[in-house]
Amino acid sequence: LTERPSLESAAMLIVGWVGVKLAVHTLAHDAVHLIPHSFVEG
């Protein structure tokens, strides 16, 4: 990120995408169960 400062925008997109992944896992939680576990783990 230091050598290629413009890479930071791609890194932040990845950070947001990781957030989406955690959100999907949350939606598959037994207490929420809006998405089936089979999809998240599949």
Full PDB file with SEQRES, HELIX, SHEET, SSBOND, CRYST1, ORIGX, SCALE, CONECT and MASTER records, all heavy atoms in Angstrom:
SEQRES   1 A   42  LEU THR GLU ARG PRO SER LEU GLU SER ALA ALA MET LEU          
SEQRES   2 A   42  ILE VAL GLY TRP VAL GLY VAL LYS LEU ALA VAL HIS THR          
SEQRES   3 A   42  LEU ALA HIS ASP ALA VAL HIS LEU ILE PRO HIS SER PHE          
SEQRES   4 A   42  VAL GLU GLY                                                  
HELIX    1 AA1 LEU A    7  LEU A   27  1                                  21    
HELIX    2 AA2 HIS A   37  GLU A   41  1                                   5    
CRYST1    1.000    1.000    1.000  90.00  90.00  90.00 P 1           1          
ORIGX1      1.000000  0.000000  0.000000        0.00000                         
ORIGX2      0.000000  1.000000  0.000000        0.00000                         
ORIGX3      0.000000  0.000000  1.000000        0.00000                         
SCALE1      1.000000  0.000000  0.000000        0.00000                         
SCALE2      0.000000  1.000000  0.000000        0.00000                         
SCALE3      0.000000  0.000000  1.000000        0.00000                         
ATOM      1  N   LEU A   1       0.829  -1.210   0.000  1.00  0.00           N  
ATOM      2  CA  LEU A   1       0.000   0.000   0.000  1.00  0.00           C  
ATOM      3  C   LEU A   1       0.862   1.258   0.000  1.00  0.00           C  
ATOM      4  O   LEU A   1       0.454   2.292  -0.529  1.00  0.00           O  
ATOM      5  CB  LEU A   1      -0.928  -0.004   1.225  1.00  0.00           C  
ATOM      6  CG  LEU A   1      -2.053  -1.050   1.211  1.00  0.00           C  
ATOM      7  CD1 LEU A   1      -2.749  -1.099   2.557  1.00  0.00           C  
ATOM      8  CD2 LEU A   1      -3.061  -0.756   0.104  1.00  0.00           C  
ATOM      9  N   THR A   2       2.054   1.165   0.597  1.00  0.00           N  
ATOM     10  CA  THR A   2       2.979   2.302   0.610  1.00  0.00           C  
ATOM     11  C   THR A   2       3.617   2.497  -0.755  1.00  0.00           C  
ATOM     12  O   THR A   2       3.749   3.623  -1.255  1.00  0.00           O  
ATOM     13  CB  THR A   2       4.071   2.101   1.680  1.00  0.00           C  
ATOM     14  OG1 THR A   2       3.436   1.907   2.954  1.00  0.00           O  
ATOM     15  CG2 THR A   2       4.988   3.307   1.754  1.00  0.00           C  
ATOM     16  N   GLU A   3       4.028   1.384  -1.387  1.00  0.00           N  
ATOM     17  CA  GLU A   3       4.671   1.455  -2.696  1.00  0.00           C  
ATOM     18  C   GLU A   3       3.676   1.809  -3.802  1.00  0.00           C  
ATOM     19  O   GLU A   3       4.041   2.458  -4.780  1.00  0.00           O  
ATOM     20  CB  GLU A   3       5.329   0.104  -3.018  1.00  0.00           C  
ATOM     21  CG  GLU A   3       6.538  -0.206  -2.140  1.00  0.00           C  
ATOM     22  CD  GLU A   3       7.054  -1.622  -2.334  1.00  0.00           C  
ATOM     23  OE1 GLU A   3       6.428  -2.372  -3.118  1.00  0.00           O  
ATOM     24  OE2 GLU A   3       8.065  -1.993  -1.703  1.00  0.00           O  
ATOM     25  N   ARG A   4       2.440   1.368  -3.635  1.00  0.00           N  
ATOM     26  CA  ARG A   4       1.402   1.644  -4.639  1.00  0.00           C  
ATOM     27  C   ARG A   4       0.211   2.293  -3.942  1.00  0.00           C  
ATOM     28  O   ARG A   4      -0.780   1.623  -3.635  1.00  0.00           O  
ATOM     29  CB  ARG A   4       0.954   0.350  -5.317  1.00  0.00           C  
ATOM     30  CG  ARG A   4       2.040  -0.315  -6.160  1.00  0.00           C  
ATOM     31  CD  ARG A   4       1.535  -1.632  -6.701  1.00  0.00           C  
ATOM     32  NE  ARG A   4       2.507  -2.239  -7.598  1.00  0.00           N  
ATOM     33  CZ  ARG A   4       2.252  -2.574  -8.863  1.00  0.00           C  
ATOM     34  NH1 ARG A   4       1.060  -2.369  -9.378  1.00  0.00           N  
ATOM     35  NH2 ARG A   4       3.181  -3.128  -9.609  1.00  0.00           N  
ATOM     36  N   PRO A   5       0.259   3.597  -3.676  1.00  0.00           N  
ATOM     37  CA  PRO A   5      -0.816   4.267  -2.935  1.00  0.00           C  
ATOM     38  C   PRO A   5      -2.192   4.096  -3.560  1.00  0.00           C  
ATOM     39  O   PRO A   5      -3.200   4.002  -2.852  1.00  0.00           O  
ATOM     40  CB  PRO A   5      -0.383   5.742  -2.960  1.00  0.00           C  
ATOM     41  CG  PRO A   5       1.091   5.707  -3.180  1.00  0.00           C  
ATOM     42  CD  PRO A   5       1.335   4.504  -4.042  1.00  0.00           C  
ATOM     43  N   SER A   6      -2.250   4.033  -4.885  1.00  0.00           N  
ATOM     44  CA  SER A   6      -3.553   3.898  -5.540  1.00  0.00           C  
ATOM     45  C   SER A   6      -4.159   2.509  -5.360  1.00  0.00           C  
ATOM     46  O   SER A   6      -5.313   2.270  -5.702  1.00  0.00           O  
ATOM     47  CB  SER A   6      -3.450   4.231  -7.032  1.00  0.00           C  
ATOM     48  OG  SER A   6      -2.428   3.481  -7.636  1.00  0.00           O  
ATOM     49  N   LEU A   7      -3.353   1.585  -4.794  1.00  0.00           N  
ATOM     50  CA  LEU A   7      -3.873   0.248  -4.487  1.00  0.00           C  
ATOM     51  C   LEU A   7      -4.825   0.288  -3.295  1.00  0.00           C  
ATOM     52  O   LEU A   7      -5.592  -0.639  -3.066  1.00  0.00           O  
ATOM     53  CB  LEU A   7      -2.705  -0.696  -4.195  1.00  0.00           C  
ATOM     54  CG  LEU A   7      -2.972  -2.205  -4.113  1.00  0.00           C  
ATOM     55  CD1 LEU A   7      -3.513  -2.736  -5.434  1.00  0.00           C  
ATOM     56  CD2 LEU A   7      -1.699  -2.956  -3.741  1.00  0.00           C  
ATOM     57  N   GLU A   8      -4.792   1.400  -2.546  1.00  0.00           N  
ATOM     58  CA  GLU A   8      -5.615   1.496  -1.334  1.00  0.00           C  
ATOM     59  C   GLU A   8      -7.111   1.448  -1.649  1.00  0.00           C  
ATOM     60  O   GLU A   8      -7.893   0.907  -0.874  1.00  0.00           O  
ATOM     61  CB  GLU A   8      -5.289   2.772  -0.560  1.00  0.00           C  
ATOM     62  CG  GLU A   8      -5.968   2.810   0.794  1.00  0.00           C  
ATOM     63  CD  GLU A   8      -5.407   3.908   1.690  1.00  0.00           C  
ATOM     64  OE1 GLU A   8      -4.390   4.529   1.338  1.00  0.00           O  
ATOM     65  OE2 GLU A   8      -6.019   4.131   2.749  1.00  0.00           O  
ATOM     66  N   SER A   9      -7.509   1.992  -2.793  1.00  0.00           N  
ATOM     67  CA  SER A   9      -8.932   1.952  -3.154  1.00  0.00           C  
ATOM     68  C   SER A   9      -9.397   0.513  -3.365  1.00  0.00           C  
ATOM     69  O   SER A   9     -10.481   0.129  -2.915  1.00  0.00           O  
ATOM     70  CB  SER A   9      -9.189   2.774  -4.420  1.00  0.00           C  
ATOM     71  OG  SER A   9      -9.017   4.148  -4.154  1.00  0.00           O  
ATOM     72  N   ALA A  10      -8.563  -0.287  -4.037  1.00  0.00           N  
ATOM     73  CA  ALA A  10      -8.898  -1.705  -4.213  1.00  0.00           C  
ATOM     74  C   ALA A  10      -8.924  -2.408  -2.864  1.00  0.00           C  
ATOM     75  O   ALA A  10      -9.794  -3.252  -2.605  1.00  0.00           O  
ATOM     76  CB  ALA A  10      -7.876  -2.371  -5.142  1.00  0.00           C  
ATOM     77  N   ALA A  11      -7.971  -2.049  -1.982  1.00  0.00           N  
ATOM     78  CA  ALA A  11      -7.933  -2.648  -0.645  1.00  0.00           C  
ATOM     79  C   ALA A  11      -9.200  -2.324   0.136  1.00  0.00           C  
ATOM     80  O   ALA A  11      -9.755  -3.193   0.823  1.00  0.00           O  
ATOM     81  CB  ALA A  11      -6.703  -2.143   0.113  1.00  0.00           C  
ATOM     82  N   MET A  12      -9.686  -1.090   0.013  1.00  0.00           N  
ATOM     83  CA  MET A  12     -10.902  -0.703   0.732  1.00  0.00           C  
ATOM     84  C   MET A  12     -12.126  -1.411   0.152  1.00  0.00           C  
ATOM     85  O   MET A  12     -13.068  -1.733   0.884  1.00  0.00           O  
ATOM     86  CB  MET A  12     -11.092   0.812   0.694  1.00  0.00           C  
ATOM     87  CG  MET A  12     -10.059   1.581   1.506  1.00  0.00           C  
ATOM     88  SD  MET A  12      -9.851   1.011   3.216  1.00  0.00           S  
ATOM     89  CE  MET A  12     -11.484   1.239   3.892  1.00  0.00           C  
ATOM     90  N   LEU A  13     -12.127  -1.657  -1.159  1.00  0.00           N  
ATOM     91  CA  LEU A  13     -13.210  -2.454  -1.758  1.00  0.00           C  
ATOM     92  C   LEU A  13     -13.202  -3.869  -1.178  1.00  0.00           C  
ATOM     93  O   LEU A  13     -14.259  -4.437  -0.877  1.00  0.00           O  
ATOM     94  CB  LEU A  13     -13.050  -2.515  -3.279  1.00  0.00           C  
ATOM     95  CG  LEU A  13     -13.505  -1.291  -4.077  1.00  0.00           C  
ATOM     96  CD1 LEU A  13     -13.133  -1.456  -5.547  1.00  0.00           C  
ATOM     97  CD2 LEU A  13     -15.012  -1.069  -3.937  1.00  0.00           C  
ATOM     98  N   ILE A  14     -11.996  -4.412  -0.996  1.00  0.00           N  
ATOM     99  CA  ILE A  14     -11.872  -5.755  -0.419  1.00  0.00           C  
ATOM    100  C   ILE A  14     -12.339  -5.747   1.027  1.00  0.00           C  
ATOM    101  O   ILE A  14     -13.029  -6.674   1.479  1.00  0.00           O  
ATOM    102  CB  ILE A  14     -10.416  -6.266  -0.536  1.00  0.00           C  
ATOM    103  CG1 ILE A  14     -10.067  -6.514  -2.010  1.00  0.00           C  
ATOM    104  CG2 ILE A  14     -10.224  -7.547   0.265  1.00  0.00           C  
ATOM    105  CD1 ILE A  14      -8.608  -6.856  -2.263  1.00  0.00           C  
ATOM    106  N   VAL A  15     -11.984  -4.690   1.775  1.00  0.00           N  
ATOM    107  CA  VAL A  15     -12.446  -4.565   3.162  1.00  0.00           C  
ATOM    108  C   VAL A  15     -13.981  -4.563   3.207  1.00  0.00           C  
ATOM    109  O   VAL A  15     -14.595  -5.242   4.025  1.00  0.00           O  
ATOM    110  CB  VAL A  15     -11.885  -3.278   3.814  1.00  0.00           C  
ATOM    111  CG1 VAL A  15     -12.591  -2.977   5.140  1.00  0.00           C  
ATOM    112  CG2 VAL A  15     -10.387  -3.424   4.052  1.00  0.00           C  
ATOM    113  N   GLY A  16     -14.597  -3.793   2.306  1.00  0.00           N  
ATOM    114  CA  GLY A  16     -16.056  -3.768   2.239  1.00  0.00           C  
ATOM    115  C   GLY A  16     -16.638  -5.127   1.875  1.00  0.00           C  
ATOM    116  O   GLY A  16     -17.657  -5.552   2.432  1.00  0.00           O  
ATOM    117  N   TRP A  17     -15.954  -5.830   0.969  1.00  0.00           N  
ATOM    118  CA  TRP A  17     -16.416  -7.159   0.545  1.00  0.00           C  
ATOM    119  C   TRP A  17     -16.302  -8.167   1.692  1.00  0.00           C  
ATOM    120  O   TRP A  17     -17.152  -9.031   1.857  1.00  0.00           O  
ATOM    121  CB  TRP A  17     -15.622  -7.609  -0.681  1.00  0.00           C  
ATOM    122  CG  TRP A  17     -16.027  -8.942  -1.245  1.00  0.00           C  
ATOM    123  CD1 TRP A  17     -15.239 -10.029  -1.443  1.00  0.00           C  
ATOM    124  CD2 TRP A  17     -17.330  -9.331  -1.719  1.00  0.00           C  
ATOM    125  NE1 TRP A  17     -15.960 -11.065  -1.995  1.00  0.00           N  
ATOM    126  CE2 TRP A  17     -17.246 -10.662  -2.174  1.00  0.00           C  
ATOM    127  CE3 TRP A  17     -18.561  -8.667  -1.790  1.00  0.00           C  
ATOM    128  CZ2 TRP A  17     -18.335 -11.357  -2.695  1.00  0.00           C  
ATOM    129  CZ3 TRP A  17     -19.656  -9.355  -2.317  1.00  0.00           C  
ATOM    130  CH2 TRP A  17     -19.540 -10.686  -2.756  1.00  0.00           C  
ATOM    131  N   VAL A  18     -15.242  -8.033   2.482  1.00  0.00           N  
ATOM    132  CA  VAL A  18     -15.103  -8.880   3.679  1.00  0.00           C  
ATOM    133  C   VAL A  18     -16.241  -8.581   4.649  1.00  0.00           C  
ATOM    134  O   VAL A  18     -16.787  -9.490   5.292  1.00  0.00           O  
ATOM    135  CB  VAL A  18     -13.732  -8.643   4.357  1.00  0.00           C  
ATOM    136  CG1 VAL A  18     -13.657  -9.352   5.709  1.00  0.00           C  
ATOM    137  CG2 VAL A  18     -12.611  -9.147   3.448  1.00  0.00           C  
ATOM    138  N   GLY A  19     -16.616  -7.306   4.748  1.00  0.00           N  
ATOM    139  CA  GLY A  19     -17.770  -6.937   5.572  1.00  0.00           C  
ATOM    140  C   GLY A  19     -19.042  -7.600   5.083  1.00  0.00           C  
ATOM    141  O   GLY A  19     -19.865  -8.069   5.880  1.00  0.00           O  
ATOM    142  N   VAL A  20     -19.197  -7.674   3.762  1.00  0.00           N  
ATOM    143  CA  VAL A  20     -20.362  -8.363   3.181  1.00  0.00           C  
ATOM    144  C   VAL A  20     -20.341  -9.842   3.571  1.00  0.00           C  
ATOM    145  O   VAL A  20     -21.368 -10.428   3.910  1.00  0.00           O  
ATOM    146  CB  VAL A  20     -20.378  -8.210   1.644  1.00  0.00           C  
ATOM    147  CG1 VAL A  20     -21.440  -9.111   1.009  1.00  0.00           C  
ATOM    148  CG2 VAL A  20     -20.629  -6.755   1.259  1.00  0.00           C  
ATOM    149  N   LYS A  21     -19.134 -10.446   3.535  1.00  0.00           N  
ATOM    150  CA  LYS A  21     -19.008 -11.859   3.916  1.00  0.00           C  
ATOM    151  C   LYS A  21     -19.455 -12.075   5.359  1.00  0.00           C  
ATOM    152  O   LYS A  21     -20.231 -13.004   5.659  1.00  0.00           O  
ATOM    153  CB  LYS A  21     -17.560 -12.329   3.766  1.00  0.00           C  
ATOM    154  CG  LYS A  21     -17.376 -13.815   4.080  1.00  0.00           C  
ATOM    155  CD  LYS A  21     -15.912 -14.212   4.183  1.00  0.00           C  
ATOM    156  CE  LYS A  21     -15.359 -13.856   5.540  1.00  0.00           C  
ATOM    157  NZ  LYS A  21     -14.041 -14.471   5.799  1.00  0.00           N  
ATOM    158  N   LEU A  22     -19.006 -11.200   6.268  1.00  0.00           N  
ATOM    159  CA  LEU A  22     -19.417 -11.318   7.669  1.00  0.00           C  
ATOM    160  C   LEU A  22     -20.926 -11.099   7.813  1.00  0.00           C  
ATOM    161  O   LEU A  22     -21.586 -11.751   8.631  1.00  0.00           O  
ATOM    162  CB  LEU A  22     -18.668 -10.297   8.528  1.00  0.00           C  
ATOM    163  CG  LEU A  22     -17.191 -10.573   8.803  1.00  0.00           C  
ATOM    164  CD1 LEU A  22     -16.574  -9.434   9.617  1.00  0.00           C  
ATOM    165  CD2 LEU A  22     -16.991 -11.884   9.535  1.00  0.00           C  
ATOM    166  N   ALA A  23     -21.476 -10.194   7.012  1.00  0.00           N  
ATOM    167  CA  ALA A  23     -22.921  -9.944   7.050  1.00  0.00           C  
ATOM    168  C   ALA A  23     -23.705 -11.180   6.605  1.00  0.00           C  
ATOM    169  O   ALA A  23     -24.731 -11.541   7.199  1.00  0.00           O  
ATOM    170  CB  ALA A  23     -23.276  -8.745   6.167  1.00  0.00           C  
ATOM    171  N   VAL A  24     -23.209 -11.843   5.552  1.00  0.00           N  
ATOM    172  CA  VAL A  24     -23.856 -13.065   5.059  1.00  0.00           C  
ATOM    173  C   VAL A  24     -23.828 -14.153   6.130  1.00  0.00           C  
ATOM    174  O   VAL A  24     -24.820 -14.852   6.365  1.00  0.00           O  
ATOM    175  CB  VAL A  24     -23.188 -13.550   3.752  1.00  0.00           C  
ATOM    176  CG1 VAL A  24     -23.665 -14.948   3.375  1.00  0.00           C  
ATOM    177  CG2 VAL A  24     -23.489 -12.577   2.614  1.00  0.00           C  
ATOM    178  N   HIS A  25     -22.684 -14.285   6.815  1.00  0.00           N  
ATOM    179  CA  HIS A  25     -22.574 -15.262   7.905  1.00  0.00           C  
ATOM    180  C   HIS A  25     -23.545 -14.927   9.036  1.00  0.00           C  
ATOM    181  O   HIS A  25     -24.132 -15.821   9.647  1.00  0.00           O  
ATOM    182  CB  HIS A  25     -21.136 -15.291   8.444  1.00  0.00           C  
ATOM    183  CG  HIS A  25     -20.218 -16.147   7.635  1.00  0.00           C  
ATOM    184  ND1 HIS A  25     -19.841 -17.413   8.004  1.00  0.00           N  
ATOM    185  CD2 HIS A  25     -19.614 -15.929   6.433  1.00  0.00           C  
ATOM    186  CE1 HIS A  25     -19.033 -17.928   7.094  1.00  0.00           C  
ATOM    187  NE2 HIS A  25     -18.884 -17.046   6.126  1.00  0.00           N  
ATOM    188  N   THR A  26     -23.702 -13.622   9.308  1.00  0.00           N  
ATOM    189  CA  THR A  26     -24.635 -13.198  10.353  1.00  0.00           C  
ATOM    190  C   THR A  26     -26.073 -13.559   9.976  1.00  0.00           C  
ATOM    191  O   THR A  26     -26.853 -14.035  10.815  1.00  0.00           O  
ATOM    192  CB  THR A  26     -24.536 -11.671  10.570  1.00  0.00           C  
ATOM    193  OG1 THR A  26     -23.183 -11.340  10.915  1.00  0.00           O  
ATOM    194  CG2 THR A  26     -25.455 -11.217  11.693  1.00  0.00           C  
ATOM    195  N   LEU A  27     -26.415 -13.352   8.713  1.00  0.00           N  
ATOM    196  CA  LEU A  27     -27.780 -13.654   8.257  1.00  0.00           C  
ATOM    197  C   LEU A  27     -28.079 -15.152   8.278  1.00  0.00           C  
ATOM    198  O   LEU A  27     -29.243 -15.559   8.273  1.00  0.00           O  
ATOM    199  CB  LEU A  27     -27.985 -13.096   6.838  1.00  0.00           C  
ATOM    200  CG  LEU A  27     -27.966 -11.568   6.723  1.00  0.00           C  
ATOM    201  CD1 LEU A  27     -28.039 -11.136   5.262  1.00  0.00           C  
ATOM    202  CD2 LEU A  27     -29.124 -10.951   7.504  1.00  0.00           C  
ATOM    203  N   ALA A  28     -27.017 -15.969   8.309  1.00  0.00           N  
ATOM    204  CA  ALA A  28     -27.206 -17.419   8.374  1.00  0.00           C  
ATOM    205  C   ALA A  28     -27.212 -17.936   9.815  1.00  0.00           C  
ATOM    206  O   ALA A  28     -27.412 -19.126  10.053  1.00  0.00           O  
ATOM    207  CB  ALA A  28     -26.101 -18.126   7.590  1.00  0.00           C  
ATOM    208  N   HIS A  29     -26.967 -17.017  10.781  1.00  0.00           N  
ATOM    209  CA  HIS A  29     -26.938 -17.411  12.189  1.00  0.00           C  
ATOM    210  C   HIS A  29     -28.288 -17.994  12.600  1.00  0.00           C  
ATOM    211  O   HIS A  29     -29.341 -17.570  12.104  1.00  0.00           O  
ATOM    212  CB  HIS A  29     -26.604 -16.188  13.050  1.00  0.00           C  
ATOM    213  CG  HIS A  29     -26.271 -16.518  14.464  1.00  0.00           C  
ATOM    214  ND1 HIS A  29     -27.236 -16.797  15.401  1.00  0.00           N  
ATOM    215  CD2 HIS A  29     -25.082 -16.627  15.102  1.00  0.00           C  
ATOM    216  CE1 HIS A  29     -26.655 -17.043  16.569  1.00  0.00           C  
ATOM    217  NE2 HIS A  29     -25.341 -16.958  16.406  1.00  0.00           N  
ATOM    218  N   ASP A  30     -28.257 -18.966  13.509  1.00  0.00           N  
ATOM    219  CA  ASP A  30     -29.495 -19.643  13.936  1.00  0.00           C  
ATOM    220  C   ASP A  30     -30.536 -18.674  14.473  1.00  0.00           C  
ATOM    221  O   ASP A  30     -31.741 -18.886  14.293  1.00  0.00           O  
ATOM    222  CB  ASP A  30     -29.167 -20.687  15.021  1.00  0.00           C  
ATOM    223  CG  ASP A  30     -28.404 -21.872  14.453  1.00  0.00           C  
ATOM    224  OD1 ASP A  30     -28.507 -22.099  13.222  1.00  0.00           O  
ATOM    225  OD2 ASP A  30     -27.700 -22.555  15.216  1.00  0.00           O  
ATOM    226  N   ALA A  31     -30.088 -17.599  15.139  1.00  0.00           N  
ATOM    227  CA  ALA A  31     -31.030 -16.639  15.727  1.00  0.00           C  
ATOM    228  C   ALA A  31     -31.657 -15.731  14.672  1.00  0.00           C  
ATOM    229  O   ALA A  31     -32.706 -15.126  14.911  1.00  0.00           O  
ATOM    230  CB  ALA A  31     -30.324 -15.796  16.783  1.00  0.00           C  
ATOM    231  N   VAL A  32     -31.005 -15.608  13.508  1.00  0.00           N  
ATOM    232  CA  VAL A  32     -31.517 -14.747  12.425  1.00  0.00           C  
ATOM    233  C   VAL A  32     -32.130 -15.602  11.321  1.00  0.00           C  
ATOM    234  O   VAL A  32     -33.276 -15.418  10.921  1.00  0.00           O  
ATOM    235  CB  VAL A  32     -30.382 -13.861  11.853  1.00  0.00           C  
ATOM    236  CG1 VAL A  32     -30.918 -12.922  10.777  1.00  0.00           C  
ATOM    237  CG2 VAL A  32     -29.711 -13.074  12.971  1.00  0.00           C  
ATOM    238  N   HIS A  33     -31.312 -16.499  10.790  1.00  0.00           N  
ATOM    239  CA  HIS A  33     -31.727 -17.527   9.826  1.00  0.00           C  
ATOM    240  C   HIS A  33     -32.503 -16.981   8.624  1.00  0.00           C  
ATOM    241  O   HIS A  33     -33.542 -17.496   8.231  1.00  0.00           O  
ATOM    242  CB  HIS A  33     -32.566 -18.595  10.539  1.00  0.00           C  
ATOM    243  CG  HIS A  33     -32.559 -19.908   9.803  1.00  0.00           C  
ATOM    244  ND1 HIS A  33     -31.397 -20.602   9.531  1.00  0.00           N  
ATOM    245  CD2 HIS A  33     -33.578 -20.635   9.254  1.00  0.00           C  
ATOM    246  CE1 HIS A  33     -31.706 -21.707   8.856  1.00  0.00           C  
ATOM    247  NE2 HIS A  33     -33.009 -21.747   8.688  1.00  0.00           N  
ATOM    248  N   LEU A  34     -31.965 -15.900   8.036  1.00  0.00           N  
ATOM    249  CA  LEU A  34     -32.549 -15.382   6.795  1.00  0.00           C  
ATOM    250  C   LEU A  34     -31.924 -16.046   5.573  1.00  0.00           C  
ATOM    251  O   LEU A  34     -32.487 -15.994   4.474  1.00  0.00           O  
ATOM    252  CB  LEU A  34     -32.365 -13.865   6.716  1.00  0.00           C  
ATOM    253  CG  LEU A  34     -33.131 -13.036   7.757  1.00  0.00           C  
ATOM    254  CD1 LEU A  34     -32.798 -11.566   7.620  1.00  0.00           C  
ATOM    255  CD2 LEU A  34     -34.643 -13.256   7.619  1.00  0.00           C  
ATOM    256  N   ILE A  35     -30.755 -16.635   5.775  1.00  0.00           N  
ATOM    257  CA  ILE A  35     -30.053 -17.367   4.719  1.00  0.00           C  
ATOM    258  C   ILE A  35     -29.714 -18.747   5.266  1.00  0.00           C  
ATOM    259  O   ILE A  35     -29.245 -18.858   6.401  1.00  0.00           O  
ATOM    260  CB  ILE A  35     -28.752 -16.639   4.307  1.00  0.00           C  
ATOM    261  CG1 ILE A  35     -29.073 -15.265   3.705  1.00  0.00           C  
ATOM    262  CG2 ILE A  35     -27.954 -17.461   3.300  1.00  0.00           C  
ATOM    263  CD1 ILE A  35     -27.844 -14.439   3.368  1.00  0.00           C  
ATOM    264  N   PRO A  36     -29.941 -19.812   4.515  1.00  0.00           N  
ATOM    265  CA  PRO A  36     -29.632 -21.159   5.029  1.00  0.00           C  
ATOM    266  C   PRO A  36     -28.129 -21.391   5.189  1.00  0.00           C  
ATOM    267  O   PRO A  36     -27.318 -20.884   4.407  1.00  0.00           O  
ATOM    268  CB  PRO A  36     -30.226 -22.087   3.961  1.00  0.00           C  
ATOM    269  CG  PRO A  36     -30.341 -21.263   2.732  1.00  0.00           C  
ATOM    270  CD  PRO A  36     -30.567 -19.851   3.186  1.00  0.00           C  
ATOM    271  N   HIS A  37     -27.749 -22.162   6.217  1.00  0.00           N  
ATOM    272  CA  HIS A  37     -26.342 -22.503   6.453  1.00  0.00           C  
ATOM    273  C   HIS A  37     -25.733 -23.214   5.248  1.00  0.00           C  
ATOM    274  O   HIS A  37     -24.559 -23.036   4.932  1.00  0.00           O  
ATOM    275  CB  HIS A  37     -26.216 -23.425   7.677  1.00  0.00           C  
ATOM    276  CG  HIS A  37     -26.272 -22.693   8.976  1.00  0.00           C  
ATOM    277  ND1 HIS A  37     -25.275 -21.854   9.406  1.00  0.00           N  
ATOM    278  CD2 HIS A  37     -27.220 -22.672   9.943  1.00  0.00           C  
ATOM    279  CE1 HIS A  37     -25.592 -21.349  10.583  1.00  0.00           C  
ATOM    280  NE2 HIS A  37     -26.769 -21.827  10.936  1.00  0.00           N  
ATOM    281  N   SER A  38     -26.550 -24.022   4.590  1.00  0.00           N  
ATOM    282  CA  SER A  38     -26.041 -24.798   3.448  1.00  0.00           C  
ATOM    283  C   SER A  38     -25.526 -23.880   2.346  1.00  0.00           C  
ATOM    284  O   SER A  38     -24.567 -24.222   1.635  1.00  0.00           O  
ATOM    285  CB  SER A  38     -27.155 -25.704   2.897  1.00  0.00           C  
ATOM    286  OG  SER A  38     -28.292 -24.939   2.546  1.00  0.00           O  
ATOM    287  N   PHE A  39     -26.140 -22.695   2.194  1.00  0.00           N  
ATOM    288  CA  PHE A  39     -25.681 -21.750   1.173  1.00  0.00           C  
ATOM    289  C   PHE A  39     -24.356 -21.111   1.595  1.00  0.00           C  
ATOM    290  O   PHE A  39     -23.404 -21.038   0.809  1.00  0.00           O  
ATOM    291  CB  PHE A  39     -26.731 -20.662   0.945  1.00  0.00           C  
ATOM    292  CG  PHE A  39     -26.255 -19.553   0.032  1.00  0.00           C  
ATOM    293  CD1 PHE A  39     -26.149 -19.750  -1.336  1.00  0.00           C  
ATOM    294  CD2 PHE A  39     -25.881 -18.318   0.557  1.00  0.00           C  
ATOM    295  CE1 PHE A  39     -25.697 -18.741  -2.176  1.00  0.00           C  
ATOM    296  CE2 PHE A  39     -25.430 -17.302  -0.266  1.00  0.00           C  
ATOM    297  CZ  PHE A  39     -25.336 -17.513  -1.633  1.00  0.00           C  
ATOM    298  N   VAL A  40     -24.283 -20.656   2.860  1.00  0.00           N  
ATOM    299  CA  VAL A  40     -23.086 -19.975   3.352  1.00  0.00           C  
ATOM    300  C   VAL A  40     -21.875 -20.898   3.354  1.00  0.00           C  
ATOM    301  O   VAL A  40     -20.760 -20.489   3.037  1.00  0.00           O  
ATOM    302  CB  VAL A  40     -23.334 -19.423   4.777  1.00  0.00           C  
ATOM    303  CG1 VAL A  40     -22.047 -18.863   5.378  1.00  0.00           C  
ATOM    304  CG2 VAL A  40     -24.395 -18.342   4.731  1.00  0.00           C  
ATOM    305  N   GLU A  41     -22.106 -22.156   3.717  1.00  0.00           N  
ATOM    306  CA  GLU A  41     -21.002 -23.112   3.810  1.00  0.00           C  
ATOM    307  C   GLU A  41     -20.779 -23.874   2.502  1.00  0.00           C  
ATOM    308  O   GLU A  41     -19.823 -24.642   2.384  1.00  0.00           O  
ATOM    309  CB  GLU A  41     -21.275 -24.105   4.944  1.00  0.00           C  
ATOM    310  CG  GLU A  41     -21.292 -23.434   6.315  1.00  0.00           C  
ATOM    311  CD  GLU A  41     -21.910 -24.317   7.381  1.00  0.00           C  
ATOM    312  OE1 GLU A  41     -22.228 -25.478   7.063  1.00  0.00           O  
ATOM    313  OE2 GLU A  41     -22.084 -23.844   8.524  1.00  0.00           O  
ATOM    314  N   GLY A  42     -21.651 -23.659   1.527  1.00  0.00           N  
ATOM    315  CA  GLY A  42     -21.589 -24.415   0.280  1.00  0.00           C  
ATOM    316  C   GLY A  42     -20.648 -23.817  -0.755  1.00  0.00           C  
ATOM    317  O   GLY A  42     -20.096 -22.716  -0.583  1.00  0.00           O  
TER     318      GLY A  42                                                      
MASTER        0    0    0    2    0    0    0    6  317    1    0    4          
END                                                                             
